[in-house]
């Protein structure tokens, strides 16, 4: 797998250049003091260099964080599988903790990583969700067999969300890789081997706004 980015290709915008539009991007997810001090999250700061695009991206991403028709377990299956397929260390690191908060075990996360090995651990629906990720990324479509399996348990709008969710995280992962966005320096980075830089076992983290301690649990 590709190396973890350790140098920004696009830098954080200097504070003296910030406009209200810049600050709107930085404070979009509700980080404390972010309007005044900016976000502490690397990808948010980098996107803040281009506010019109960043706000459109943020609203689209927020839909998949808070307003989608899938449940959080289904969502995290998708994001983790996409992270593996497109080699996004950044998204993998962040979503391991989110997945655990959604009730997905570390053993299941490893099985998502290694799919289709160990696929019998999952339901037909979950296998079809993982296959959707694989097929879209590898062949740019969903097979008839996978589509038929999805239709057994998911509503039409859920299948639509599923396909767009894959695309959203592929796009975001591409941006993170191309812009050279590293995992935040204070974070205890989680590798694809599910080991942290410090050797600790990964634990639960919260999505933005999901819990009053969501800032503290991210570790930077």
Foldseek 3Di string as FASTA:
>chain_A
DDDFQDDFLADQDPPVPDDQLLLCLQCVLPDPPCSPVGHLFQVSRRLSVPRVVSVVLVVVVVCLVPPAPDAQLLLLLLQLLLCLVLVQLQSNQVSVQVNVVSVQDPVNSLCSNVPPVVVVVDDLLSNLLSQLLVCCVPPVDRDPVSVVSNVVPDDPRNVVVSNVSSVSSNVVSVCCVVRSGGGRPQAQRQGSVQATVVRDHDHHAHDRPPDPCNVVNRGD
